[in-house]
Amino acid sequence: MRPENHETTKLTKDTMFFVCFVGCVLVASSQRDIQATDVDRGRQTFMRVGCYQCHGREAQGASTGPRLGPNPLPLPAFARAVRTPRNEMPPYSLKLLSDADLADVLAFVAARPRPHRLPE
């Protein structure tokens, strides 16, 4: 049997720590990429299905539709409002807007910046 070399053991522990750290960083950055992609797809869908016509290009609201972001409804309530709206908004069925597209639109709406406040 070979005697244990403490330098080798330390190097192995350091190497394992480094590999784990790099792995965590890569997972975190891929999550941000996924989220950014969701927002980009959401923006495209928001424009494609015509949400911008009433809610503005940045979901900021207009005279025909309310502001939607940056703190939108939770997904179930958002989906209900889009699928079976009240007032003048047309309904968006699954044929027009899939659940995945709807989630992307919500990601886009949630990523909108807060409105600018004038100094008091």
PDB file of N, CA and C in Angstrom:
ATOM      1  N   MET A   1       0.823  -1.190   0.000  1.00  0.00           N
ATOM      2  CA  MET A   1       0.000   0.000   0.000  1.00  0.00           C
ATOM      3  C   MET A   1       0.857   1.240   0.000  1.00  0.00           C
ATOM      4  N   ARG A   2       0.408   2.219  -0.717  1.00  0.00           N
ATOM      5  CA  ARG A   2       1.129   3.474  -0.802  1.00  0.00           C
ATOM      6  C   ARG A   2       0.709   4.402   0.343  1.00  0.00           C
ATOM      7  N   PRO A   3       1.634   5.053   1.020  1.00  0.00           N
ATOM      8  CA  PRO A   3       1.239   5.986   2.085  1.00  0.00           C
ATOM      9  C   PRO A   3       0.538   7.200   1.477  1.00  0.00           C
ATOM     10  N   GLU A   4      -0.409   7.721   2.226  1.00  0.00           N
ATOM     11  CA  GLU A   4      -1.187   8.872   1.744  1.00  0.00           C
ATOM     12  C   GLU A   4      -0.316  10.121   1.757  1.00  0.00           C
ATOM     13  N   ASN A   5      -0.327  10.830   0.672  1.00  0.00           N
ATOM     14  CA  ASN A   5       0.429  12.068   0.545  1.00  0.00           C
ATOM     15  C   ASN A   5      -0.528  13.227   0.807  1.00  0.00           C
ATOM     16  N   HIS A   6      -0.272  13.991   1.840  1.00  0.00           N
ATOM     17  CA  HIS A   6      -1.174  15.087   2.202  1.00  0.00           C
ATOM     18  C   HIS A   6      -1.235  16.158   1.123  1.00  0.00           C
ATOM     19  N   GLU A   7      -0.149  16.377   0.414  1.00  0.00           N
ATOM     20  CA  GLU A   7      -0.156  17.356  -0.685  1.00  0.00           C
ATOM     21  C   GLU A   7      -1.117  16.917  -1.790  1.00  0.00           C
ATOM     22  N   THR A   8      -1.112  15.628  -2.116  1.00  0.00           N
ATOM     23  CA  THR A   8      -2.008  15.104  -3.141  1.00  0.00           C
ATOM     24  C   THR A   8      -3.446  15.235  -2.685  1.00  0.00           C
ATOM     25  N   THR A   9      -3.719  14.945  -1.426  1.00  0.00           N
ATOM     26  CA  THR A   9      -5.067  15.045  -0.888  1.00  0.00           C
ATOM     27  C   THR A   9      -5.547  16.491  -0.934  1.00  0.00           C
ATOM     28  N   LYS A  10      -4.694  17.422  -0.555  1.00  0.00           N
ATOM     29  CA  LYS A  10      -5.071  18.835  -0.581  1.00  0.00           C
ATOM     30  C   LYS A  10      -5.335  19.294  -2.007  1.00  0.00           C
ATOM     31  N   LEU A  11      -4.476  18.879  -2.918  1.00  0.00           N
ATOM     32  CA  LEU A  11      -4.661  19.251  -4.315  1.00  0.00           C
ATOM     33  C   LEU A  11      -5.988  18.704  -4.829  1.00  0.00           C
ATOM     34  N   THR A  12      -6.297  17.494  -4.457  1.00  0.00           N
ATOM     35  CA  THR A  12      -7.552  16.883  -4.899  1.00  0.00           C
ATOM     36  C   THR A  12      -8.746  17.651  -4.328  1.00  0.00           C
ATOM     37  N   LYS A  13      -8.700  18.025  -3.061  1.00  0.00           N
ATOM     38  CA  LYS A  13      -9.795  18.787  -2.453  1.00  0.00           C
ATOM     39  C   LYS A  13      -9.917  20.162  -3.111  1.00  0.00           C
ATOM     40  N   ASP A  14      -8.778  20.815  -3.352  1.00  0.00           N
ATOM     41  CA  ASP A  14      -8.789  22.114  -4.019  1.00  0.00           C
ATOM     42  C   ASP A  14      -9.353  21.992  -5.429  1.00  0.00           C
ATOM     43  N   THR A  15      -8.940  20.946  -6.128  1.00  0.00           N
ATOM     44  CA  THR A  15      -9.423  20.729  -7.490  1.00  0.00           C
ATOM     45  C   THR A  15     -10.926  20.487  -7.481  1.00  0.00           C
ATOM     46  N   MET A  16     -11.400  19.680  -6.527  1.00  0.00           N
ATOM     47  CA  MET A  16     -12.841  19.400  -6.439  1.00  0.00           C
ATOM     48  C   MET A  16     -13.614  20.676  -6.138  1.00  0.00           C
ATOM     49  N   PHE A  17     -13.088  21.511  -5.237  1.00  0.00           N
ATOM     50  CA  PHE A  17     -13.743  22.772  -4.928  1.00  0.00           C
ATOM     51  C   PHE A  17     -13.824  23.652  -6.177  1.00  0.00           C
ATOM     52  N   PHE A  18     -12.720  23.737  -6.900  1.00  0.00           N
ATOM     53  CA  PHE A  18     -12.679  24.559  -8.113  1.00  0.00           C
ATOM     54  C   PHE A  18     -13.682  24.052  -9.150  1.00  0.00           C
ATOM     55  N   VAL A  19     -13.729  22.751  -9.351  1.00  0.00           N
ATOM     56  CA  VAL A  19     -14.654  22.175 -10.324  1.00  0.00           C
ATOM     57  C   VAL A  19     -16.101  22.461  -9.912  1.00  0.00           C
ATOM     58  N   CYS A  20     -16.407  22.296  -8.637  1.00  0.00           N
ATOM     59  CA  CYS A  20     -17.765  22.587  -8.147  1.00  0.00           C
ATOM     60  C   CYS A  20     -18.109  24.065  -8.321  1.00  0.00           C
ATOM     61  N   PHE A  21     -17.156  24.934  -7.999  1.00  0.00           N
ATOM     62  CA  PHE A  21     -17.378  26.372  -8.137  1.00  0.00           C
ATOM     63  C   PHE A  21     -17.659  26.746  -9.589  1.00  0.00           C
ATOM     64  N   VAL A  22     -16.830  26.247 -10.503  1.00  0.00           N
ATOM     65  CA  VAL A  22     -17.020  26.534 -11.929  1.00  0.00           C
ATOM     66  C   VAL A  22     -18.361  25.990 -12.393  1.00  0.00           C
ATOM     67  N   GLY A  23     -18.712  24.806 -11.954  1.00  0.00           N
ATOM     68  CA  GLY A  23     -20.007  24.225 -12.318  1.00  0.00           C
ATOM     69  C   GLY A  23     -21.166  25.092 -11.859  1.00  0.00           C
ATOM     70  N   CYS A  24     -21.091  25.583 -10.620  1.00  0.00           N
ATOM     71  CA  CYS A  24     -22.159  26.460 -10.108  1.00  0.00           C
ATOM     72  C   CYS A  24     -22.246  27.754 -10.910  1.00  0.00           C
ATOM     73  N   VAL A  25     -21.116  28.323 -11.250  1.00  0.00           N
ATOM     74  CA  VAL A  25     -21.100  29.550 -12.045  1.00  0.00           C
ATOM     75  C   VAL A  25     -21.729  29.307 -13.417  1.00  0.00           C
ATOM     76  N   LEU A  26     -21.379  28.189 -14.030  1.00  0.00           N
ATOM     77  CA  LEU A  26     -21.941  27.876 -15.350  1.00  0.00           C
ATOM     78  C   LEU A  26     -23.448  27.664 -15.275  1.00  0.00           C
ATOM     79  N   VAL A  27     -23.923  26.975 -14.241  1.00  0.00           N
ATOM     80  CA  VAL A  27     -25.361  26.767 -14.093  1.00  0.00           C
ATOM     81  C   VAL A  27     -26.060  28.103 -13.885  1.00  0.00           C
ATOM     82  N   ALA A  28     -25.509  28.960 -13.032  1.00  0.00           N
ATOM     83  CA  ALA A  28     -26.128  30.264 -12.781  1.00  0.00           C
ATOM     84  C   ALA A  28     -26.158  31.114 -14.045  1.00  0.00           C
ATOM     85  N   SER A  29     -25.082  31.112 -14.808  1.00  0.00           N
ATOM     86  CA  SER A  29     -25.063  31.933 -16.022  1.00  0.00           C
ATOM     87  C   SER A  29     -26.007  31.368 -17.065  1.00  0.00           C
ATOM     88  N   SER A  30     -26.164  30.045 -17.136  1.00  0.00           N
ATOM     89  CA  SER A  30     -27.111  29.485 -18.103  1.00  0.00           C
ATOM     90  C   SER A  30     -28.533  29.832 -17.699  1.00  0.00           C
ATOM     91  N   GLN A  31     -28.815  29.913 -16.399  1.00  0.00           N
ATOM     92  CA  GLN A  31     -30.147  30.328 -15.954  1.00  0.00           C
ATOM     93  C   GLN A  31     -30.440  31.756 -16.392  1.00  0.00           C
ATOM     94  N   ARG A  32     -29.438  32.636 -16.295  1.00  0.00           N
ATOM     95  CA  ARG A  32     -29.634  34.015 -16.746  1.00  0.00           C
ATOM     96  C   ARG A  32     -29.861  34.057 -18.246  1.00  0.00           C
ATOM     97  N   ASP A  33     -29.122  33.217 -18.999  1.00  0.00           N
ATOM     98  CA  ASP A  33     -29.322  33.165 -20.440  1.00  0.00           C
ATOM     99  C   ASP A  33     -30.717  32.694 -20.777  1.00  0.00           C
ATOM    100  N   ILE A  34     -31.198  31.683 -20.052  1.00  0.00           N
ATOM    101  CA  ILE A  34     -32.548  31.184 -20.283  1.00  0.00           C
ATOM    102  C   ILE A  34     -33.542  32.287 -19.982  1.00  0.00           C
ATOM    103  N   GLN A  35     -33.360  32.980 -18.871  1.00  0.00           N
ATOM    104  CA  GLN A  35     -34.285  34.043 -18.517  1.00  0.00           C
ATOM    105  C   GLN A  35     -34.247  35.156 -19.551  1.00  0.00           C
ATOM    106  N   ALA A  36     -33.065  35.532 -20.009  1.00  0.00           N
ATOM    107  CA  ALA A  36     -32.965  36.576 -21.032  1.00  0.00           C
ATOM    108  C   ALA A  36     -33.635  36.116 -22.312  1.00  0.00           C
ATOM    109  N   THR A  37     -33.478  34.849 -22.649  1.00  0.00           N
ATOM    110  CA  THR A  37     -34.127  34.315 -23.835  1.00  0.00           C
ATOM    111  C   THR A  37     -35.630  34.339 -23.668  1.00  0.00           C
ATOM    112  N   ASP A  38     -36.143  33.997 -22.479  1.00  0.00           N
ATOM    113  CA  ASP A  38     -37.580  34.059 -22.222  1.00  0.00           C
ATOM    114  C   ASP A  38     -38.094  35.475 -22.429  1.00  0.00           C
ATOM    115  N   VAL A  39     -37.358  36.454 -21.945  1.00  0.00           N
ATOM    116  CA  VAL A  39     -37.753  37.852 -22.089  1.00  0.00           C
ATOM    117  C   VAL A  39     -37.747  38.256 -23.561  1.00  0.00           C
ATOM    118  N   ASP A  40     -36.719  37.859 -24.288  1.00  0.00           N
ATOM    119  CA  ASP A  40     -36.645  38.188 -25.717  1.00  0.00           C
ATOM    120  C   ASP A  40     -37.791  37.544 -26.496  1.00  0.00           C
ATOM    121  N   ARG A  41     -38.037  36.269 -26.218  1.00  0.00           N
ATOM    122  CA  ARG A  41     -39.163  35.593 -26.883  1.00  0.00           C
ATOM    123  C   ARG A  41     -40.472  36.251 -26.485  1.00  0.00           C
ATOM    124  N   GLY A  42     -40.590  36.633 -25.223  1.00  0.00           N
ATOM    125  CA  GLY A  42     -41.802  37.298 -24.741  1.00  0.00           C
ATOM    126  C   GLY A  42     -42.038  38.620 -25.450  1.00  0.00           C
ATOM    127  N   ARG A  43     -40.971  39.375 -25.667  1.00  0.00           N
ATOM    128  CA  ARG A  43     -41.097  40.649 -26.391  1.00  0.00           C
ATOM    129  C   ARG A  43     -41.592  40.387 -27.814  1.00  0.00           C
ATOM    130  N   GLN A  44     -41.015  39.396 -28.467  1.00  0.00           N
ATOM    131  CA  GLN A  44     -41.428  39.077 -29.838  1.00  0.00           C
ATOM    132  C   GLN A  44     -42.891  38.648 -29.881  1.00  0.00           C
ATOM    133  N   THR A  45     -43.300  37.819 -28.938  1.00  0.00           N
ATOM    134  CA  THR A  45     -44.697  37.373 -28.894  1.00  0.00           C
ATOM    135  C   THR A  45     -45.622  38.530 -28.576  1.00  0.00           C
ATOM    136  N   PHE A  46     -45.239  39.379 -27.643  1.00  0.00           N
ATOM    137  CA  PHE A  46     -46.016  40.560 -27.253  1.00  0.00           C
ATOM    138  C   PHE A  46     -46.304  41.419 -28.486  1.00  0.00           C
ATOM    139  N   MET A  47     -45.300  41.566 -29.331  1.00  0.00           N
ATOM    140  CA  MET A  47     -45.465  42.352 -30.555  1.00  0.00           C
ATOM    141  C   MET A  47     -46.271  41.570 -31.605  1.00  0.00           C
ATOM    142  N   ARG A  48     -45.972  40.286 -31.759  1.00  0.00           N
ATOM    143  CA  ARG A  48     -46.594  39.469 -32.810  1.00  0.00           C
ATOM    144  C   ARG A  48     -48.096  39.339 -32.629  1.00  0.00           C
ATOM    145  N   VAL A  49     -48.561  39.131 -31.397  1.00  0.00           N
ATOM    146  CA  VAL A  49     -50.000  38.930 -31.186  1.00  0.00           C
ATOM    147  C   VAL A  49     -50.746  40.232 -30.940  1.00  0.00           C
ATOM    148  N   GLY A  50     -50.031  41.355 -30.915  1.00  0.00           N
ATOM    149  CA  GLY A  50     -50.678  42.663 -30.868  1.00  0.00           C
ATOM    150  C   GLY A  50     -50.928  43.252 -29.498  1.00  0.00           C
ATOM    151  N   CYS A  51     -50.320  42.699 -28.450  1.00  0.00           N
ATOM    152  CA  CYS A  51     -50.504  43.254 -27.098  1.00  0.00           C
ATOM    153  C   CYS A  51     -50.099  44.727 -27.039  1.00  0.00           C
ATOM    154  N   TYR A  52     -49.047  45.056 -27.789  1.00  0.00           N
ATOM    155  CA  TYR A  52     -48.507  46.409 -27.779  1.00  0.00           C
ATOM    156  C   TYR A  52     -49.532  47.446 -28.240  1.00  0.00           C
ATOM    157  N   GLN A  53     -50.501  47.038 -29.045  1.00  0.00           N
ATOM    158  CA  GLN A  53     -51.465  47.995 -29.585  1.00  0.00           C
ATOM    159  C   GLN A  53     -52.276  48.671 -28.481  1.00  0.00           C
ATOM    160  N   CYS A  54     -52.547  47.941 -27.408  1.00  0.00           N
ATOM    161  CA  CYS A  54     -53.311  48.527 -26.302  1.00  0.00           C
ATOM    162  C   CYS A  54     -52.460  48.821 -25.070  1.00  0.00           C
ATOM    163  N   HIS A  55     -51.410  48.028 -24.877  1.00  0.00           N
ATOM    164  CA  HIS A  55     -50.617  48.162 -23.647  1.00  0.00           C
ATOM    165  C   HIS A  55     -49.298  48.894 -23.851  1.00  0.00           C
ATOM    166  N   GLY A  56     -49.002  49.351 -25.071  1.00  0.00           N
ATOM    167  CA  GLY A  56     -47.755  50.042 -25.360  1.00  0.00           C
ATOM    168  C   GLY A  56     -46.630  49.063 -25.636  1.00  0.00           C
ATOM    169  N   ARG A  57     -45.625  49.523 -26.350  1.00  0.00           N
ATOM    170  CA  ARG A  57     -44.518  48.649 -26.769  1.00  0.00           C
ATOM    171  C   ARG A  57     -43.697  48.116 -25.606  1.00  0.00           C
ATOM    172  N   GLU A  58     -43.708  48.789 -24.491  1.00  0.00           N
ATOM    173  CA  GLU A  58     -42.958  48.346 -23.315  1.00  0.00           C
ATOM    174  C   GLU A  58     -43.898  47.921 -22.182  1.00  0.00           C
ATOM    175  N   ALA A  59     -45.154  47.614 -22.523  1.00  0.00           N
ATOM    176  CA  ALA A  59     -46.166  47.201 -21.541  1.00  0.00           C
ATOM    177  C   ALA A  59     -46.391  48.290 -20.498  1.00  0.00           C
ATOM    178  N   GLN A  60     -46.116  49.538 -20.907  1.00  0.00           N
ATOM    179  CA  GLN A  60     -46.202  50.672 -19.979  1.00  0.00           C
ATOM    180  C   GLN A  60     -47.626  51.182 -19.810  1.00  0.00           C
ATOM    181  N   GLY A  61     -48.546  50.661 -20.628  1.00  0.00           N
ATOM    182  CA  GLY A  61     -49.926  51.115 -20.561  1.00  0.00           C
ATOM    183  C   GLY A  61     -50.175  52.240 -21.544  1.00  0.00           C
ATOM    184  N   ALA A  62     -51.429  52.400 -21.884  1.00  0.00           N
ATOM    185  CA  ALA A  62     -51.855  53.454 -22.812  1.00  0.00           C
ATOM    186  C   ALA A  62     -53.312  53.764 -22.500  1.00  0.00           C
ATOM    187  N   SER A  63     -53.901  54.644 -23.281  1.00  0.00           N
ATOM    188  CA  SER A  63     -55.294  55.004 -23.025  1.00  0.00           C
ATOM    189  C   SER A  63     -56.232  53.821 -23.237  1.00  0.00           C
ATOM    190  N   THR A  64     -55.794  52.816 -23.998  1.00  0.00           N
ATOM    191  CA  THR A  64     -56.646  51.665 -24.302  1.00  0.00           C
ATOM    192  C   THR A  64     -56.360  50.435 -23.450  1.00  0.00           C
ATOM    193  N   GLY A  65     -55.274  50.410 -22.720  1.00  0.00           N
ATOM    194  CA  GLY A  65     -54.939  49.245 -21.893  1.00  0.00           C
ATOM    195  C   GLY A  65     -54.038  49.621 -20.744  1.00  0.00           C
ATOM    196  N   PRO A  66     -54.150  48.921 -19.602  1.00  0.00           N
ATOM    197  CA  PRO A  66     -53.355  49.284 -18.416  1.00  0.00           C
ATOM    198  C   PRO A  66     -51.891  48.866 -18.520  1.00  0.00           C
ATOM    199  N   ARG A  67     -51.088  49.462 -17.655  1.00  0.00           N
ATOM    200  CA  ARG A  67     -49.686  49.056 -17.495  1.00  0.00           C
ATOM    201  C   ARG A  67     -49.686  47.607 -17.017  1.00  0.00           C
ATOM    202  N   LEU A  68     -48.767  46.817 -17.549  1.00  0.00           N
ATOM    203  CA  LEU A  68     -48.691  45.406 -17.181  1.00  0.00           C
ATOM    204  C   LEU A  68     -47.482  45.070 -16.311  1.00  0.00           C
ATOM    205  N   GLY A  69     -46.434  45.855 -16.364  1.00  0.00           N
ATOM    206  CA  GLY A  69     -45.225  45.543 -15.608  1.00  0.00           C
ATOM    207  C   GLY A  69     -44.758  46.751 -14.842  1.00  0.00           C
ATOM    208  N   PRO A  70     -43.772  46.632 -14.028  1.00  0.00           N
ATOM    209  CA  PRO A  70     -42.869  45.508 -13.859  1.00  0.00           C
ATOM    210  C   PRO A  70     -43.329  44.480 -12.832  1.00  0.00           C
ATOM    211  N   ASN A  71     -44.430  44.696 -12.150  1.00  0.00           N
ATOM    212  CA  ASN A  71     -44.910  43.735 -11.146  1.00  0.00           C
ATOM    213  C   ASN A  71     -46.226  43.124 -11.620  1.00  0.00           C
ATOM    214  N   PRO A  72     -46.141  42.181 -12.564  1.00  0.00           N
ATOM    215  CA  PRO A  72     -47.373  41.633 -13.118  1.00  0.00           C
ATOM    216  C   PRO A  72     -48.070  40.673 -12.160  1.00  0.00           C
ATOM    217  N   LEU A  73     -49.253  40.274 -12.556  1.00  0.00           N
ATOM    218  CA  LEU A  73     -49.983  39.251 -11.815  1.00  0.00           C
ATOM    219  C   LEU A  73     -49.185  37.946 -11.820  1.00  0.00           C
ATOM    220  N   PRO A  74     -49.399  37.067 -10.848  1.00  0.00           N
ATOM    221  CA  PRO A  74     -48.790  35.734 -10.925  1.00  0.00           C
ATOM    222  C   PRO A  74     -49.304  35.004 -12.170  1.00  0.00           C
ATOM    223  N   LEU A  75     -48.545  34.035 -12.644  1.00  0.00           N
ATOM    224  CA  LEU A  75     -48.878  33.354 -13.898  1.00  0.00           C
ATOM    225  C   LEU A  75     -50.310  32.838 -13.963  1.00  0.00           C
ATOM    226  N   PRO A  76     -50.848  32.157 -12.932  1.00  0.00           N
ATOM    227  CA  PRO A  76     -52.231  31.669 -13.065  1.00  0.00           C
ATOM    228  C   PRO A  76     -53.240  32.804 -13.272  1.00  0.00           C
ATOM    229  N   ALA A  77     -53.093  33.888 -12.539  1.00  0.00           N
ATOM    230  CA  ALA A  77     -54.010  35.024 -12.688  1.00  0.00           C
ATOM    231  C   ALA A  77     -53.790  35.733 -14.024  1.00  0.00           C
ATOM    232  N   PHE A  78     -52.525  35.842 -14.439  1.00  0.00           N
ATOM    233  CA  PHE A  78     -52.196  36.451 -15.724  1.00  0.00           C
ATOM    234  C   PHE A  78     -52.818  35.637 -16.862  1.00  0.00           C
ATOM    235  N   ALA A  79     -52.686  34.315 -16.787  1.00  0.00           N
ATOM    236  CA  ALA A  79     -53.252  33.428 -17.811  1.00  0.00           C
ATOM    237  C   ALA A  79     -54.771  33.565 -17.848  1.00  0.00           C
ATOM    238  N   ARG A  80     -55.408  33.618 -16.692  1.00  0.00           N
ATOM    239  CA  ARG A  80     -56.869  33.777 -16.629  1.00  0.00           C
ATOM    240  C   ARG A  80     -57.295  35.100 -17.256  1.00  0.00           C
ATOM    241  N   ALA A  81     -56.551  36.162 -16.977  1.00  0.00           N
ATOM    242  CA  ALA A  81     -56.889  37.478 -17.531  1.00  0.00           C
ATOM    243  C   ALA A  81     -56.717  37.512 -19.051  1.00  0.00           C
ATOM    244  N   VAL A  82     -55.752  36.757 -19.568  1.00  0.00           N
ATOM    245  CA  VAL A  82     -55.505  36.722 -21.015  1.00  0.00           C
ATOM    246  C   VAL A  82     -56.483  35.779 -21.716  1.00  0.00           C
ATOM    247  N   ARG A  83     -56.773  34.639 -21.096  1.00  0.00           N
ATOM    248  CA  ARG A  83     -57.654  33.640 -21.717  1.00  0.00           C
ATOM    249  C   ARG A  83     -59.125  34.031 -21.632  1.00  0.00           C
ATOM    250  N   THR A  84     -59.543  34.604 -20.516  1.00  0.00           N
ATOM    251  CA  THR A  84     -60.948  35.003 -20.319  1.00  0.00           C
ATOM    252  C   THR A  84     -60.995  36.424 -19.760  1.00  0.00           C
ATOM    253  N   PRO A  85     -60.658  37.407 -20.587  1.00  0.00           N
ATOM    254  CA  PRO A  85     -60.574  38.788 -20.101  1.00  0.00           C
ATOM    255  C   PRO A  85     -61.954  39.405 -19.850  1.00  0.00           C
ATOM    256  N   ARG A  86     -61.910  40.471 -19.098  1.00  0.00           N
ATOM    257  CA  ARG A  86     -63.108  41.284 -18.881  1.00  0.00           C
ATOM    258  C   ARG A  86     -62.988  42.524 -19.760  1.00  0.00           C
ATOM    259  N   ASN A  87     -64.052  43.240 -19.857  1.00  0.00           N
ATOM    260  CA  ASN A  87     -64.095  44.502 -20.600  1.00  0.00           C
ATOM    261  C   ASN A  87     -63.802  44.298 -22.083  1.00  0.00           C
ATOM    262  N   GLU A  88     -62.975  45.140 -22.658  1.00  0.00           N
ATOM    263  CA  GLU A  88     -62.790  45.192 -24.111  1.00  0.00           C
ATOM    264  C   GLU A  88     -61.680  44.298 -24.669  1.00  0.00           C
ATOM    265  N   MET A  89     -60.867  43.725 -23.833  1.00  0.00           N
ATOM    266  CA  MET A  89     -59.743  42.932 -24.327  1.00  0.00           C
ATOM    267  C   MET A  89     -60.241  41.648 -24.993  1.00  0.00           C
ATOM    268  N   PRO A  90     -59.692  41.328 -26.154  1.00  0.00           N
ATOM    269  CA  PRO A  90     -60.091  40.069 -26.799  1.00  0.00           C
ATOM    270  C   PRO A  90     -59.450  38.872 -26.088  1.00  0.00           C
ATOM    271  N   PRO A  91     -60.128  37.728 -26.083  1.00  0.00           N
ATOM    272  CA  PRO A  91     -59.525  36.533 -25.464  1.00  0.00           C
ATOM    273  C   PRO A  91     -58.442  35.936 -26.366  1.00  0.00           C
ATOM    274  N   TYR A  92     -57.410  35.416 -25.743  1.00  0.00           N
ATOM    275  CA  TYR A  92     -56.322  34.751 -26.467  1.00  0.00           C
ATOM    276  C   TYR A  92     -56.351  33.269 -26.100  1.00  0.00           C
ATOM    277  N   SER A  93     -56.909  32.461 -26.985  1.00  0.00           N
ATOM    278  CA  SER A  93     -57.019  31.022 -26.749  1.00  0.00           C
ATOM    279  C   SER A  93     -55.655  30.355 -26.922  1.00  0.00           C
ATOM    280  N   LEU A  94     -55.607  29.073 -26.586  1.00  0.00           N
ATOM    281  CA  LEU A  94     -54.373  28.300 -26.772  1.00  0.00           C
ATOM    282  C   LEU A  94     -53.972  28.222 -28.235  1.00  0.00           C
ATOM    283  N   LYS A  95     -54.938  28.322 -29.144  1.00  0.00           N
ATOM    284  CA  LYS A  95     -54.613  28.314 -30.575  1.00  0.00           C
ATOM    285  C   LYS A  95     -53.813  29.557 -30.957  1.00  0.00           C
ATOM    286  N   LEU A  96     -54.145  30.679 -30.345  1.00  0.00           N
ATOM    287  CA  LEU A  96     -53.460  31.938 -30.655  1.00  0.00           C
ATOM    288  C   LEU A  96     -52.183  32.131 -29.844  1.00  0.00           C
ATOM    289  N   LEU A  97     -52.183  31.627 -28.613  1.00  0.00           N
ATOM    290  CA  LEU A  97     -51.084  31.890 -27.686  1.00  0.00           C
ATOM    291  C   LEU A  97     -50.898  30.674 -26.783  1.00  0.00           C
ATOM    292  N   SER A  98     -49.835  29.931 -27.014  1.00  0.00           N
ATOM    293  CA  SER A  98     -49.587  28.727 -26.198  1.00  0.00           C
ATOM    294  C   SER A  98     -49.252  29.120 -24.759  1.00  0.00           C
ATOM    295  N   ASP A  99     -49.325  28.146 -23.866  1.00  0.00           N
ATOM    296  CA  ASP A  99     -48.952  28.411 -22.471  1.00  0.00           C
ATOM    297  C   ASP A  99     -47.487  28.824 -22.363  1.00  0.00           C
ATOM    298  N   ALA A 100     -46.621  28.226 -23.183  1.00  0.00           N
ATOM    299  CA  ALA A 100     -45.196  28.598 -23.166  1.00  0.00           C
ATOM    300  C   ALA A 100     -45.021  30.039 -23.641  1.00  0.00           C
ATOM    301  N   ASP A 101     -45.737  30.420 -24.707  1.00  0.00           N
ATOM    302  CA  ASP A 101     -45.673  31.805 -25.190  1.00  0.00           C
ATOM    303  C   ASP A 101     -46.197  32.772 -24.133  1.00  0.00           C
ATOM    304  N   LEU A 102     -47.258  32.379 -23.462  1.00  0.00           N
ATOM    305  CA  LEU A 102     -47.836  33.221 -22.414  1.00  0.00           C
ATOM    306  C   LEU A 102     -46.836  33.418 -21.270  1.00  0.00           C
ATOM    307  N   ALA A 103     -46.131  32.360 -20.896  1.00  0.00           N
ATOM    308  CA  ALA A 103     -45.108  32.474 -19.845  1.00  0.00           C
ATOM    309  C   ALA A 103     -43.971  33.385 -20.296  1.00  0.00           C
ATOM    310  N   ASP A 104     -43.607  33.319 -21.572  1.00  0.00           N
ATOM    311  CA  ASP A 104     -42.566  34.220 -22.095  1.00  0.00           C
ATOM    312  C   ASP A 104     -43.038  35.675 -22.070  1.00  0.00           C
ATOM    313  N   VAL A 105     -44.297  35.900 -22.426  1.00  0.00           N
ATOM    314  CA  VAL A 105     -44.845  37.267 -22.370  1.00  0.00           C
ATOM    315  C   VAL A 105     -44.797  37.768 -20.936  1.00  0.00           C
ATOM    316  N   LEU A 106     -45.147  36.916 -19.991  1.00  0.00           N
ATOM    317  CA  LEU A 106     -45.089  37.317 -18.581  1.00  0.00           C
ATOM    318  C   LEU A 106     -43.658  37.651 -18.173  1.00  0.00           C
ATOM    319  N   ALA A 107     -42.677  36.886 -18.667  1.00  0.00           N
ATOM    320  CA  ALA A 107     -41.266  37.183 -18.373  1.00  0.00           C
ATOM    321  C   ALA A 107     -40.887  38.548 -18.931  1.00  0.00           C
ATOM    322  N   PHE A 108     -41.349  38.853 -20.144  1.00  0.00           N
ATOM    323  CA  PHE A 108     -41.083  40.163 -20.744  1.00  0.00           C
ATOM    324  C   PHE A 108     -41.709  41.275 -19.906  1.00  0.00           C
ATOM    325  N   VAL A 109     -42.953  41.090 -19.534  1.00  0.00           N
ATOM    326  CA  VAL A 109     -43.675  42.107 -18.757  1.00  0.00           C
ATOM    327  C   VAL A 109     -42.996  42.317 -17.397  1.00  0.00           C
ATOM    328  N   ALA A 110     -42.601  41.220 -16.757  1.00  0.00           N
ATOM    329  CA  ALA A 110     -41.958  41.314 -15.440  1.00  0.00           C
ATOM    330  C   ALA A 110     -40.597  42.001 -15.515  1.00  0.00           C
ATOM    331  N   ALA A 111     -39.948  41.936 -16.670  1.00  0.00           N
ATOM    332  CA  ALA A 111     -38.616  42.533 -16.826  1.00  0.00           C
ATOM    333  C   ALA A 111     -38.658  44.025 -17.164  1.00  0.00           C
ATOM    334  N   ARG A 112     -39.833  44.585 -17.323  1.00  0.00           N
ATOM    335  CA  ARG A 112     -39.936  46.010 -17.651  1.00  0.00           C
ATOM    336  C   ARG A 112     -39.451  46.834 -16.469  1.00  0.00           C
ATOM    337  N   PRO A 113     -38.801  47.952 -16.747  1.00  0.00           N
ATOM    338  CA  PRO A 113     -38.329  48.804 -15.647  1.00  0.00           C
ATOM    339  C   PRO A 113     -39.499  49.542 -14.986  1.00  0.00           C
ATOM    340  N   ARG A 114     -39.244  49.947 -13.785  1.00  0.00           N
ATOM    341  CA  ARG A 114     -40.258  50.760 -13.064  1.00  0.00           C
ATOM    342  C   ARG A 114     -40.394  52.109 -13.788  1.00  0.00           C
ATOM    343  N   PRO A 115     -41.569  52.717 -13.689  1.00  0.00           N
ATOM    344  CA  PRO A 115     -41.727  54.039 -14.306  1.00  0.00           C
ATOM    345  C   PRO A 115     -40.829  55.063 -13.622  1.00  0.00           C
ATOM    346  N   HIS A 116     -40.385  56.029 -14.397  1.00  0.00           N
ATOM    347  CA  HIS A 116     -39.541  57.093 -13.869  1.00  0.00           C
ATOM    348  C   HIS A 116     -40.367  57.987 -12.958  1.00  0.00           C
ATOM    349  N   ARG A 117     -39.815  58.316 -11.795  1.00  0.00           N
ATOM    350  CA  ARG A 117     -40.519  59.210 -10.855  1.00  0.00           C
ATOM    351  C   ARG A 117     -39.849  60.562 -10.891  1.00  0.00           C
ATOM    352  N   LEU A 118     -40.653  61.569 -10.957  1.00  0.00           N
ATOM    353  CA  LEU A 118     -40.144  62.933 -10.915  1.00  0.00           C
ATOM    354  C   LEU A 118     -39.719  63.278  -9.492  1.00  0.00           C
ATOM    355  N   PRO A 119     -38.659  64.055  -9.345  1.00  0.00           N
ATOM    356  CA  PRO A 119     -38.229  64.440  -7.989  1.00  0.00           C
ATOM    357  C   PRO A 119     -39.317  65.297  -7.340  1.00  0.00           C
ATOM    358  N   GLU A 120     -39.416  65.150  -6.052  1.00  0.00           N
ATOM    359  CA  GLU A 120     -40.453  65.911  -5.311  1.00  0.00           C
ATOM    360  C   GLU A 120     -40.017  67.302  -5.007  1.00  0.00           C
TER     361      GLU A 120
END
